Amino acid sequence: DMDGSTEQRSLQDETDIESKKLPTHLDDKDKNEIGGDAVWTLSTAKPGNGVEQLRDNSTDSYWQSDGPQPHLVNIQFHKKVSIKEIALYCDFKLDESYTPS
């Protein structure tokens, strides 16, 4: 591109990769993150790969189950809550073979 926008995009992509930001569509400022108002439990988790890693907004950490299926994430709010959207980040290329495609 003559105006340098292609170069800017690739520099931004590199910056996002280096800083491990969530993809833009998952980091929408118009949405409210209400997960902190809930109690999260997992059916199983390998040590160091539990609820904290599932919720820390880092693409470097993750929940990894450890045990027989089904693998469950239970999110319980203290009062009834209306939820319009749930976002999950899955990276099939980096995750193990159990990641849904």
C-alpha atoms as a PDB file:
ATOM      1  CA  ASP A   1       0.000   0.000   0.000  1.00  0.00           C
ATOM      2  CA  MET A   2       1.305   3.423  -0.870  1.00  0.00           C
ATOM      3  CA  ASP A   3      -0.140   5.024   2.279  1.00  0.00           C
ATOM      4  CA  GLY A   4       1.596   2.506   4.585  1.00  0.00           C
ATOM      5  CA  SER A   5      -1.635   1.015   6.018  1.00  0.00           C
ATOM      6  CA  THR A   6      -0.487  -2.535   5.240  1.00  0.00           C
ATOM      7  CA  GLU A   7       2.717  -1.927   7.174  1.00  0.00           C
ATOM      8  CA  GLN A   8       0.763  -0.401  10.070  1.00  0.00           C
ATOM      9  CA  ARG A   9      -1.571  -3.404  10.228  1.00  0.00           C
ATOM     10  CA  SER A  10       1.273  -5.886  10.336  1.00  0.00           C
ATOM     11  CA  LEU A  11       3.056  -3.859  13.031  1.00  0.00           C
ATOM     12  CA  GLN A  12      -0.192  -3.817  15.035  1.00  0.00           C
ATOM     13  CA  ASP A  13      -0.558  -7.585  14.571  1.00  0.00           C
ATOM     14  CA  GLU A  14       2.986  -8.090  15.870  1.00  0.00           C
ATOM     15  CA  THR A  15       2.271  -5.805  18.839  1.00  0.00           C
ATOM     16  CA  ASP A  16      -0.894  -7.750  19.667  1.00  0.00           C
ATOM     17  CA  ILE A  17       1.015 -11.027  19.505  1.00  0.00           C
ATOM     18  CA  GLU A  18       3.814  -9.698  21.710  1.00  0.00           C
ATOM     19  CA  SER A  19       1.482  -8.253  24.330  1.00  0.00           C
ATOM     20  CA  LYS A  20      -0.924 -11.223  24.175  1.00  0.00           C
ATOM     21  CA  LYS A  21      -3.994  -9.001  23.922  1.00  0.00           C
ATOM     22  CA  LEU A  22      -7.335 -10.577  23.296  1.00  0.00           C
ATOM     23  CA  PRO A  23      -8.577 -10.329  19.722  1.00  0.00           C
ATOM     24  CA  THR A  24     -10.478  -7.080  19.171  1.00  0.00           C
ATOM     25  CA  HIS A  25     -13.888  -8.753  18.951  1.00  0.00           C
ATOM     26  CA  LEU A  26     -13.356 -10.235  22.444  1.00  0.00           C
ATOM     27  CA  ASP A  27     -12.127  -6.964  23.952  1.00  0.00           C
ATOM     28  CA  ASP A  28     -15.223  -4.901  23.099  1.00  0.00           C
ATOM     29  CA  LYS A  29     -15.536  -1.864  25.364  1.00  0.00           C
ATOM     30  CA  ASP A  30     -19.329  -1.779  24.851  1.00  0.00           C
ATOM     31  CA  LYS A  31     -19.787  -5.049  26.713  1.00  0.00           C
ATOM     32  CA  ASN A  32     -19.818  -5.614  30.474  1.00  0.00           C
ATOM     33  CA  GLU A  33     -17.718  -8.418  31.917  1.00  0.00           C
ATOM     34  CA  ILE A  34     -19.860  -9.808  34.743  1.00  0.00           C
ATOM     35  CA  GLY A  35     -17.947 -13.025  35.425  1.00  0.00           C
ATOM     36  CA  GLY A  36     -16.451 -11.531  38.578  1.00  0.00           C
ATOM     37  CA  ASP A  37     -19.943 -11.463  40.095  1.00  0.00           C
ATOM     38  CA  ALA A  38     -20.169 -15.257  39.871  1.00  0.00           C
ATOM     39  CA  VAL A  39     -18.668 -18.285  41.568  1.00  0.00           C
ATOM     40  CA  TRP A  40     -16.762 -20.417  39.040  1.00  0.00           C
ATOM     41  CA  THR A  41     -16.114 -24.137  39.501  1.00  0.00           C
ATOM     42  CA  LEU A  42     -14.597 -26.754  37.197  1.00  0.00           C
ATOM     43  CA  SER A  43     -15.282 -30.469  37.005  1.00  0.00           C
ATOM     44  CA  THR A  44     -11.527 -31.103  36.990  1.00  0.00           C
ATOM     45  CA  ALA A  45      -8.327 -29.176  36.366  1.00  0.00           C
ATOM     46  CA  LYS A  46      -4.637 -29.931  36.063  1.00  0.00           C
ATOM     47  CA  PRO A  47      -2.534 -28.099  38.692  1.00  0.00           C
ATOM     48  CA  GLY A  48      -1.811 -24.553  37.513  1.00  0.00           C
ATOM     49  CA  ASN A  49      -4.553 -24.660  34.865  1.00  0.00           C
ATOM     50  CA  GLY A  50      -7.750 -23.895  36.786  1.00  0.00           C
ATOM     51  CA  VAL A  51     -10.312 -21.122  37.193  1.00  0.00           C
ATOM     52  CA  GLU A  52      -7.696 -18.378  37.668  1.00  0.00           C
ATOM     53  CA  GLN A  53      -6.012 -19.228  34.363  1.00  0.00           C
ATOM     54  CA  LEU A  54      -9.369 -19.626  32.597  1.00  0.00           C
ATOM     55  CA  ARG A  55     -10.406 -16.101  33.590  1.00  0.00           C
ATOM     56  CA  ASP A  56      -7.160 -14.088  33.531  1.00  0.00           C
ATOM     57  CA  ASN A  57      -7.622 -12.583  30.012  1.00  0.00           C
ATOM     58  CA  SER A  58      -4.265 -13.936  28.880  1.00  0.00           C
ATOM     59  CA  THR A  59      -3.917 -16.048  25.757  1.00  0.00           C
ATOM     60  CA  ASP A  60      -0.821 -17.591  27.376  1.00  0.00           C
ATOM     61  CA  SER A  61      -2.805 -19.377  30.089  1.00  0.00           C
ATOM     62  CA  TYR A  62      -5.793 -21.687  29.944  1.00  0.00           C
ATOM     63  CA  TRP A  63      -7.953 -24.216  31.751  1.00  0.00           C
ATOM     64  CA  GLN A  64      -6.891 -27.797  31.211  1.00  0.00           C
ATOM     65  CA  SER A  65      -9.192 -30.526  32.460  1.00  0.00           C
ATOM     66  CA  ASP A  66      -7.817 -33.628  34.104  1.00  0.00           C
ATOM     67  CA  GLY A  67     -10.089 -36.621  34.279  1.00  0.00           C
ATOM     68  CA  PRO A  68     -12.974 -38.356  32.572  1.00  0.00           C
ATOM     69  CA  GLN A  69     -15.562 -36.503  30.517  1.00  0.00           C
ATOM     70  CA  PRO A  70     -17.752 -34.553  30.710  1.00  0.00           C
ATOM     71  CA  HIS A  71     -15.492 -31.536  31.355  1.00  0.00           C
ATOM     72  CA  LEU A  72     -17.651 -28.809  32.869  1.00  0.00           C
ATOM     73  CA  VAL A  73     -17.384 -25.124  33.693  1.00  0.00           C
ATOM     74  CA  ASN A  74     -20.045 -24.107  36.212  1.00  0.00           C
ATOM     75  CA  ILE A  75     -20.772 -20.366  36.578  1.00  0.00           C
ATOM     76  CA  GLN A  76     -23.193 -19.509  39.392  1.00  0.00           C
ATOM     77  CA  PHE A  77     -24.416 -15.991  40.039  1.00  0.00           C
ATOM     78  CA  HIS A  78     -25.740 -14.975  43.453  1.00  0.00           C
ATOM     79  CA  LYS A  79     -28.952 -13.711  41.866  1.00  0.00           C
ATOM     80  CA  LYS A  80     -30.751 -14.236  38.575  1.00  0.00           C
ATOM     81  CA  VAL A  81     -28.843 -12.564  35.717  1.00  0.00           C
ATOM     82  CA  SER A  82     -29.788 -12.055  32.080  1.00  0.00           C
ATOM     83  CA  ILE A  83     -26.889 -12.939  29.776  1.00  0.00           C
ATOM     84  CA  LYS A  84     -26.959 -11.930  26.113  1.00  0.00           C
ATOM     85  CA  GLU A  85     -23.568 -13.215  24.985  1.00  0.00           C
ATOM     86  CA  ILE A  86     -20.782 -15.514  26.123  1.00  0.00           C
ATOM     87  CA  ALA A  87     -17.363 -15.343  24.451  1.00  0.00           C
ATOM     88  CA  LEU A  88     -14.836 -18.170  24.483  1.00  0.00           C
ATOM     89  CA  TYR A  89     -11.350 -17.911  23.036  1.00  0.00           C
ATOM     90  CA  CYS A  90     -10.038 -21.162  21.533  1.00  0.00           C
ATOM     91  CA  ASP A  91      -6.803 -21.441  19.586  1.00  0.00           C
ATOM     92  CA  PHE A  92      -6.968 -24.740  17.769  1.00  0.00           C
ATOM     93  CA  LYS A  93      -3.405 -24.445  16.402  1.00  0.00           C
ATOM     94  CA  LEU A  94      -1.882 -23.982  19.864  1.00  0.00           C
ATOM     95  CA  ASP A  95      -4.193 -26.143  21.963  1.00  0.00           C
ATOM     96  CA  GLU A  96      -4.096 -29.879  22.339  1.00  0.00           C
ATOM     97  CA  SER A  97      -6.215 -32.189  20.202  1.00  0.00           C
ATOM     98  CA  TYR A  98      -9.254 -31.855  22.481  1.00  0.00           C
ATOM     99  CA  THR A  99     -10.051 -28.286  21.414  1.00  0.00           C
ATOM    100  CA  PRO A 100     -13.340 -28.107  19.502  1.00  0.00           C
ATOM    101  CA  SER A 101     -12.837 -27.171  15.861  1.00  0.00           C
END
